[in-house]
Amino acid sequence: MYEVLIHFRLVGPEAEALQRLARQEERKPRDQARYILRQELVRRGLLELPAAPGQNGGMNDERKDLAN
């Protein structure tokens, strides 16, 4: 399994926007950033996520818990 540690700081409008979106979607900012990254990787065809039970494909809109 590959693992990448990403450590960076957002400031100003980027930080505020991430905080606002994280609150709206009921996630921690770190989880929100991971969710956004995963969405973009899926959109570009670089990552395929398993369908959630009862769905016919698509990305599971995980809220609050993106630990897996």
PDB file of N, CA and C in Angstrom:
ATOM      1  N   MET A   1       0.835  -1.168   0.000  1.00  0.00           N
ATOM      2  CA  MET A   1       0.000   0.000   0.000  1.00  0.00           C
ATOM      3  C   MET A   1       0.884   1.237   0.000  1.00  0.00           C
ATOM      4  N   TYR A   2       0.545   2.172  -0.856  1.00  0.00           N
ATOM      5  CA  TYR A   2       1.270   3.440  -0.895  1.00  0.00           C
ATOM      6  C   TYR A   2       0.693   4.390   0.139  1.00  0.00           C
ATOM      7  N   GLU A   3       1.538   5.274   0.608  1.00  0.00           N
ATOM      8  CA  GLU A   3       1.096   6.270   1.574  1.00  0.00           C
ATOM      9  C   GLU A   3       1.813   7.577   1.301  1.00  0.00           C
ATOM     10  N   VAL A   4       1.067   8.671   1.318  1.00  0.00           N
ATOM     11  CA  VAL A   4       1.637   9.988   1.096  1.00  0.00           C
ATOM     12  C   VAL A   4       1.168  10.896   2.219  1.00  0.00           C
ATOM     13  N   LEU A   5       2.089  11.527   2.894  1.00  0.00           N
ATOM     14  CA  LEU A   5       1.754  12.501   3.924  1.00  0.00           C
ATOM     15  C   LEU A   5       1.820  13.875   3.284  1.00  0.00           C
ATOM     16  N   ILE A   6       0.715  14.593   3.341  1.00  0.00           N
ATOM     17  CA  ILE A   6       0.653  15.937   2.775  1.00  0.00           C
ATOM     18  C   ILE A   6       0.500  16.908   3.932  1.00  0.00           C
ATOM     19  N   HIS A   7       1.417  17.836   4.008  1.00  0.00           N
ATOM     20  CA  HIS A   7       1.393  18.810   5.096  1.00  0.00           C
ATOM     21  C   HIS A   7       1.570  20.194   4.489  1.00  0.00           C
ATOM     22  N   PHE A   8       0.535  21.021   4.576  1.00  0.00           N
ATOM     23  CA  PHE A   8       0.630  22.374   4.044  1.00  0.00           C
ATOM     24  C   PHE A   8      -0.311  23.279   4.819  1.00  0.00           C
ATOM     25  N   ARG A   9      -0.107  24.554   4.662  1.00  0.00           N
ATOM     26  CA  ARG A   9      -0.909  25.537   5.380  1.00  0.00           C
ATOM     27  C   ARG A   9      -1.714  26.350   4.378  1.00  0.00           C
ATOM     28  N   LEU A  10      -3.007  26.497   4.647  1.00  0.00           N
ATOM     29  CA  LEU A  10      -3.845  27.402   3.881  1.00  0.00           C
ATOM     30  C   LEU A  10      -4.013  28.678   4.691  1.00  0.00           C
ATOM     31  N   VAL A  11      -3.989  29.813   4.023  1.00  0.00           N
ATOM     32  CA  VAL A  11      -4.154  31.089   4.705  1.00  0.00           C
ATOM     33  C   VAL A  11      -5.150  31.947   3.930  1.00  0.00           C
ATOM     34  N   GLY A  12      -5.663  32.937   4.597  1.00  0.00           N
ATOM     35  CA  GLY A  12      -6.536  33.913   3.959  1.00  0.00           C
ATOM     36  C   GLY A  12      -7.790  33.303   3.372  1.00  0.00           C
ATOM     37  N   PRO A  13      -8.156  33.756   2.156  1.00  0.00           N
ATOM     38  CA  PRO A  13      -9.405  33.318   1.539  1.00  0.00           C
ATOM     39  C   PRO A  13      -9.508  31.807   1.343  1.00  0.00           C
ATOM     40  N   GLU A  14      -8.388  31.142   1.041  1.00  0.00           N
ATOM     41  CA  GLU A  14      -8.425  29.677   0.869  1.00  0.00           C
ATOM     42  C   GLU A  14      -8.791  28.996   2.182  1.00  0.00           C
ATOM     43  N   ALA A  15      -8.190  29.426   3.275  1.00  0.00           N
ATOM     44  CA  ALA A  15      -8.481  28.841   4.583  1.00  0.00           C
ATOM     45  C   ALA A  15      -9.927  29.104   4.980  1.00  0.00           C
ATOM     46  N   GLU A  16     -10.392  30.324   4.757  1.00  0.00           N
ATOM     47  CA  GLU A  16     -11.770  30.675   5.099  1.00  0.00           C
ATOM     48  C   GLU A  16     -12.768  29.861   4.287  1.00  0.00           C
ATOM     49  N   ALA A  17     -12.495  29.705   2.998  1.00  0.00           N
ATOM     50  CA  ALA A  17     -13.397  28.939   2.134  1.00  0.00           C
ATOM     51  C   ALA A  17     -13.451  27.478   2.559  1.00  0.00           C
ATOM     52  N   LEU A  18     -12.309  26.888   2.883  1.00  0.00           N
ATOM     53  CA  LEU A  18     -12.288  25.494   3.324  1.00  0.00           C
ATOM     54  C   LEU A  18     -13.038  25.343   4.646  1.00  0.00           C
ATOM     55  N   GLN A  19     -12.825  26.247   5.570  1.00  0.00           N
ATOM     56  CA  GLN A  19     -13.537  26.198   6.857  1.00  0.00           C
ATOM     57  C   GLN A  19     -15.047  26.288   6.639  1.00  0.00           C
ATOM     58  N   ARG A  20     -15.460  27.205   5.785  1.00  0.00           N
ATOM     59  CA  ARG A  20     -16.889  27.412   5.524  1.00  0.00           C
ATOM     60  C   ARG A  20     -17.511  26.159   4.902  1.00  0.00           C
ATOM     61  N   LEU A  21     -16.851  25.595   3.900  1.00  0.00           N
ATOM     62  CA  LEU A  21     -17.374  24.393   3.252  1.00  0.00           C
ATOM     63  C   LEU A  21     -17.397  23.215   4.218  1.00  0.00           C
ATOM     64  N   ALA A  22     -16.358  23.072   5.019  1.00  0.00           N
ATOM     65  CA  ALA A  22     -16.308  21.980   5.999  1.00  0.00           C
ATOM     66  C   ALA A  22     -17.481  22.084   6.975  1.00  0.00           C
ATOM     67  N   ARG A  23     -17.777  23.286   7.433  1.00  0.00           N
ATOM     68  CA  ARG A  23     -18.926  23.464   8.337  1.00  0.00           C
ATOM     69  C   ARG A  23     -20.232  23.099   7.632  1.00  0.00           C
ATOM     70  N   GLN A  24     -20.393  23.559   6.388  1.00  0.00           N
ATOM     71  CA  GLN A  24     -21.619  23.283   5.632  1.00  0.00           C
ATOM     72  C   GLN A  24     -21.834  21.787   5.432  1.00  0.00           C
ATOM     73  N   GLU A  25     -20.756  21.070   5.201  1.00  0.00           N
ATOM     74  CA  GLU A  25     -20.858  19.639   4.911  1.00  0.00           C
ATOM     75  C   GLU A  25     -20.566  18.770   6.134  1.00  0.00           C
ATOM     76  N   GLU A  26     -20.478  19.411   7.284  1.00  0.00           N
ATOM     77  CA  GLU A  26     -20.315  18.713   8.570  1.00  0.00           C
ATOM     78  C   GLU A  26     -19.094  17.796   8.597  1.00  0.00           C
ATOM     79  N   ARG A  27     -17.964  18.364   8.175  1.00  0.00           N
ATOM     80  CA  ARG A  27     -16.702  17.637   8.222  1.00  0.00           C
ATOM     81  C   ARG A  27     -15.663  18.490   8.922  1.00  0.00           C
ATOM     82  N   LYS A  28     -14.626  17.846   9.400  1.00  0.00           N
ATOM     83  CA  LYS A  28     -13.452  18.563   9.884  1.00  0.00           C
ATOM     84  C   LYS A  28     -12.727  19.100   8.651  1.00  0.00           C
ATOM     85  N   PRO A  29     -12.046  20.246   8.766  1.00  0.00           N
ATOM     86  CA  PRO A  29     -11.353  20.803   7.597  1.00  0.00           C
ATOM     87  C   PRO A  29     -10.384  19.814   6.937  1.00  0.00           C
ATOM     88  N   ARG A  30      -9.668  19.038   7.723  1.00  0.00           N
ATOM     89  CA  ARG A  30      -8.735  18.060   7.151  1.00  0.00           C
ATOM     90  C   ARG A  30      -9.482  17.008   6.337  1.00  0.00           C
ATOM     91  N   ASP A  31     -10.611  16.529   6.870  1.00  0.00           N
ATOM     92  CA  ASP A  31     -11.421  15.556   6.144  1.00  0.00           C
ATOM     93  C   ASP A  31     -12.027  16.173   4.889  1.00  0.00           C
ATOM     94  N   GLN A  32     -12.406  17.450   4.976  1.00  0.00           N
ATOM     95  CA  GLN A  32     -12.970  18.130   3.815  1.00  0.00           C
ATOM     96  C   GLN A  32     -11.936  18.232   2.707  1.00  0.00           C
ATOM     97  N   ALA A  33     -10.706  18.570   3.038  1.00  0.00           N
ATOM     98  CA  ALA A  33      -9.643  18.656   2.035  1.00  0.00           C
ATOM     99  C   ALA A  33      -9.418  17.295   1.375  1.00  0.00           C
ATOM    100  N   ARG A  34      -9.428  16.252   2.175  1.00  0.00           N
ATOM    101  CA  ARG A  34      -9.248  14.899   1.633  1.00  0.00           C
ATOM    102  C   ARG A  34     -10.410  14.540   0.709  1.00  0.00           C
ATOM    103  N   TYR A  35     -11.616  14.887   1.115  1.00  0.00           N
ATOM    104  CA  TYR A  35     -12.801  14.610   0.303  1.00  0.00           C
ATOM    105  C   TYR A  35     -12.711  15.331  -1.048  1.00  0.00           C
ATOM    106  N   ILE A  36     -12.328  16.598  -1.027  1.00  0.00           N
ATOM    107  CA  ILE A  36     -12.188  17.378  -2.263  1.00  0.00           C
ATOM    108  C   ILE A  36     -11.133  16.755  -3.170  1.00  0.00           C
ATOM    109  N   LEU A  37     -10.014  16.362  -2.600  1.00  0.00           N
ATOM    110  CA  LEU A  37      -8.953  15.733  -3.380  1.00  0.00           C
ATOM    111  C   LEU A  37      -9.445  14.433  -4.014  1.00  0.00           C
ATOM    112  N   ARG A  38     -10.141  13.623  -3.221  1.00  0.00           N
ATOM    113  CA  ARG A  38     -10.663  12.356  -3.747  1.00  0.00           C
ATOM    114  C   ARG A  38     -11.668  12.596  -4.869  1.00  0.00           C
ATOM    115  N   GLN A  39     -12.553  13.594  -4.701  1.00  0.00           N
ATOM    116  CA  GLN A  39     -13.522  13.931  -5.753  1.00  0.00           C
ATOM    117  C   GLN A  39     -12.813  14.275  -7.058  1.00  0.00           C
ATOM    118  N   GLU A  40     -11.765  15.070  -6.963  1.00  0.00           N
ATOM    119  CA  GLU A  40     -11.033  15.495  -8.161  1.00  0.00           C
ATOM    120  C   GLU A  40     -10.312  14.315  -8.811  1.00  0.00           C
ATOM    121  N   LEU A  41      -9.743  13.435  -8.020  1.00  0.00           N
ATOM    122  CA  LEU A  41      -9.084  12.258  -8.582  1.00  0.00           C
ATOM    123  C   LEU A  41     -10.084  11.363  -9.309  1.00  0.00           C
ATOM    124  N   VAL A  42     -11.279  11.216  -8.741  1.00  0.00           N
ATOM    125  CA  VAL A  42     -12.335  10.434  -9.391  1.00  0.00           C
ATOM    126  C   VAL A  42     -12.769  11.134 -10.679  1.00  0.00           C
ATOM    127  N   ARG A  43     -12.976  12.447 -10.612  1.00  0.00           N
ATOM    128  CA  ARG A  43     -13.420  13.208 -11.779  1.00  0.00           C
ATOM    129  C   ARG A  43     -12.444  13.068 -12.945  1.00  0.00           C
ATOM    130  N   ARG A  44     -11.163  13.016 -12.639  1.00  0.00           N
ATOM    131  CA  ARG A  44     -10.144  12.899 -13.692  1.00  0.00           C
ATOM    132  C   ARG A  44      -9.886  11.454 -14.117  1.00  0.00           C
ATOM    133  N   GLY A  45     -10.591  10.521 -13.504  1.00  0.00           N
ATOM    134  CA  GLY A  45     -10.437   9.122 -13.888  1.00  0.00           C
ATOM    135  C   GLY A  45      -9.201   8.464 -13.327  1.00  0.00           C
ATOM    136  N   LEU A  46      -8.613   9.047 -12.301  1.00  0.00           N
ATOM    137  CA  LEU A  46      -7.393   8.504 -11.711  1.00  0.00           C
ATOM    138  C   LEU A  46      -7.668   7.615 -10.507  1.00  0.00           C
ATOM    139  N   LEU A  47      -8.890   7.670 -10.008  1.00  0.00           N
ATOM    140  CA  LEU A  47      -9.269   6.890  -8.831  1.00  0.00           C
ATOM    141  C   LEU A  47     -10.685   6.390  -9.030  1.00  0.00           C
ATOM    142  N   GLU A  48     -10.886   5.125  -8.740  1.00  0.00           N
ATOM    143  CA  GLU A  48     -12.216   4.544  -8.826  1.00  0.00           C
ATOM    144  C   GLU A  48     -12.619   4.074  -7.444  1.00  0.00           C
ATOM    145  N   LEU A  49     -13.744   4.561  -6.957  1.00  0.00           N
ATOM    146  CA  LEU A  49     -14.223   4.178  -5.637  1.00  0.00           C
ATOM    147  C   LEU A  49     -15.324   3.145  -5.779  1.00  0.00           C
ATOM    148  N   PRO A  50     -15.385   2.196  -4.852  1.00  0.00           N
ATOM    149  CA  PRO A  50     -16.467   1.204  -4.897  1.00  0.00           C
ATOM    150  C   PRO A  50     -17.813   1.886  -4.653  1.00  0.00           C
ATOM    151  N   ALA A  51     -18.838   1.372  -5.275  1.00  0.00           N
ATOM    152  CA  ALA A  51     -20.187   1.905  -5.084  1.00  0.00           C
ATOM    153  C   ALA A  51     -20.661   1.590  -3.671  1.00  0.00           C
ATOM    154  N   ALA A  52     -21.416   2.495  -3.114  1.00  0.00           N
ATOM    155  CA  ALA A  52     -22.004   2.272  -1.794  1.00  0.00           C
ATOM    156  C   ALA A  52     -23.104   1.223  -1.925  1.00  0.00           C
ATOM    157  N   PRO A  53     -23.353   0.464  -0.873  1.00  0.00           N
ATOM    158  CA  PRO A  53     -24.431  -0.535  -0.928  1.00  0.00           C
ATOM    159  C   PRO A  53     -25.748   0.117  -1.355  1.00  0.00           C
ATOM    160  N   GLY A  54     -26.433  -0.496  -2.321  1.00  0.00           N
ATOM    161  CA  GLY A  54     -27.705   0.017  -2.774  1.00  0.00           C
ATOM    162  C   GLY A  54     -27.601   1.067  -3.859  1.00  0.00           C
ATOM    163  N   GLN A  55     -26.372   1.370  -4.320  1.00  0.00           N
ATOM    164  CA  GLN A  55     -26.192   2.359  -5.380  1.00  0.00           C
ATOM    165  C   GLN A  55     -25.610   1.679  -6.603  1.00  0.00           C
ATOM    166  N   ASN A  56     -25.861   2.252  -7.749  1.00  0.00           N
ATOM    167  CA  ASN A  56     -25.311   1.732  -8.998  1.00  0.00           C
ATOM    168  C   ASN A  56     -24.144   2.579  -9.454  1.00  0.00           C
ATOM    169  N   GLY A  57     -23.055   2.563  -8.701  1.00  0.00           N
ATOM    170  CA  GLY A  57     -21.880   3.339  -9.067  1.00  0.00           C
ATOM    171  C   GLY A  57     -21.926   4.709  -8.429  1.00  0.00           C
ATOM    172  N   GLY A  58     -20.930   5.505  -8.759  1.00  0.00           N
ATOM    173  CA  GLY A  58     -20.858   6.843  -8.195  1.00  0.00           C
ATOM    174  C   GLY A  58     -20.117   6.844  -6.883  1.00  0.00           C
ATOM    175  N   MET A  59     -19.855   8.029  -6.411  1.00  0.00           N
ATOM    176  CA  MET A  59     -19.071   8.181  -5.199  1.00  0.00           C
ATOM    177  C   MET A  59     -19.976   8.292  -3.989  1.00  0.00           C
ATOM    178  N   ASN A  60     -19.647   7.574  -2.955  1.00  0.00           N
ATOM    179  CA  ASN A  60     -20.389   7.639  -1.707  1.00  0.00           C
ATOM    180  C   ASN A  60     -20.125   8.967  -1.034  1.00  0.00           C
ATOM    181  N   ASP A  61     -21.153   9.735  -0.752  1.00  0.00           N
ATOM    182  CA  ASP A  61     -20.996  11.045  -0.109  1.00  0.00           C
ATOM    183  C   ASP A  61     -20.784  10.860   1.388  1.00  0.00           C
ATOM    184  N   GLU A  62     -19.574  10.447   1.735  1.00  0.00           N
ATOM    185  CA  GLU A  62     -19.248  10.202   3.128  1.00  0.00           C
ATOM    186  C   GLU A  62     -19.234  11.514   3.869  1.00  0.00           C
ATOM    187  N   ARG A  63     -19.881  11.566   5.000  1.00  0.00           N
ATOM    188  CA  ARG A  63     -19.894  12.762   5.823  1.00  0.00           C
ATOM    189  C   ARG A  63     -19.265  12.433   7.160  1.00  0.00           C
ATOM    190  N   LYS A  64     -18.548  13.374   7.677  1.00  0.00           N
ATOM    191  CA  LYS A  64     -17.921  13.327   8.992  1.00  0.00           C
ATOM    192  C   LYS A  64     -16.805  12.304   9.084  1.00  0.00           C
ATOM    193  N   ASP A  65     -16.942  11.110   8.508  1.00  0.00           N
ATOM    194  CA  ASP A  65     -15.957  10.065   8.698  1.00  0.00           C
ATOM    195  C   ASP A  65     -15.354   9.660   7.372  1.00  0.00           C
ATOM    196  N   LEU A  66     -14.139  10.095   7.110  1.00  0.00           N
ATOM    197  CA  LEU A  66     -13.422   9.676   5.905  1.00  0.00           C
ATOM    198  C   LEU A  66     -12.173   8.915   6.298  1.00  0.00           C
ATOM    199  N   ALA A  67     -12.240   8.178   7.373  1.00  0.00           N
ATOM    200  CA  ALA A  67     -11.065   7.501   7.909  1.00  0.00           C
ATOM    201  C   ALA A  67     -10.601   6.353   7.025  1.00  0.00           C
ATOM    202  N   ASN A  68     -11.455   5.778   6.212  1.00  0.00           N
ATOM    203  CA  ASN A  68     -11.057   4.616   5.403  1.00  0.00           C
ATOM    204  C   ASN A  68     -10.361   5.020   4.161  1.00  0.00           C
TER     205      ASN A  68
END
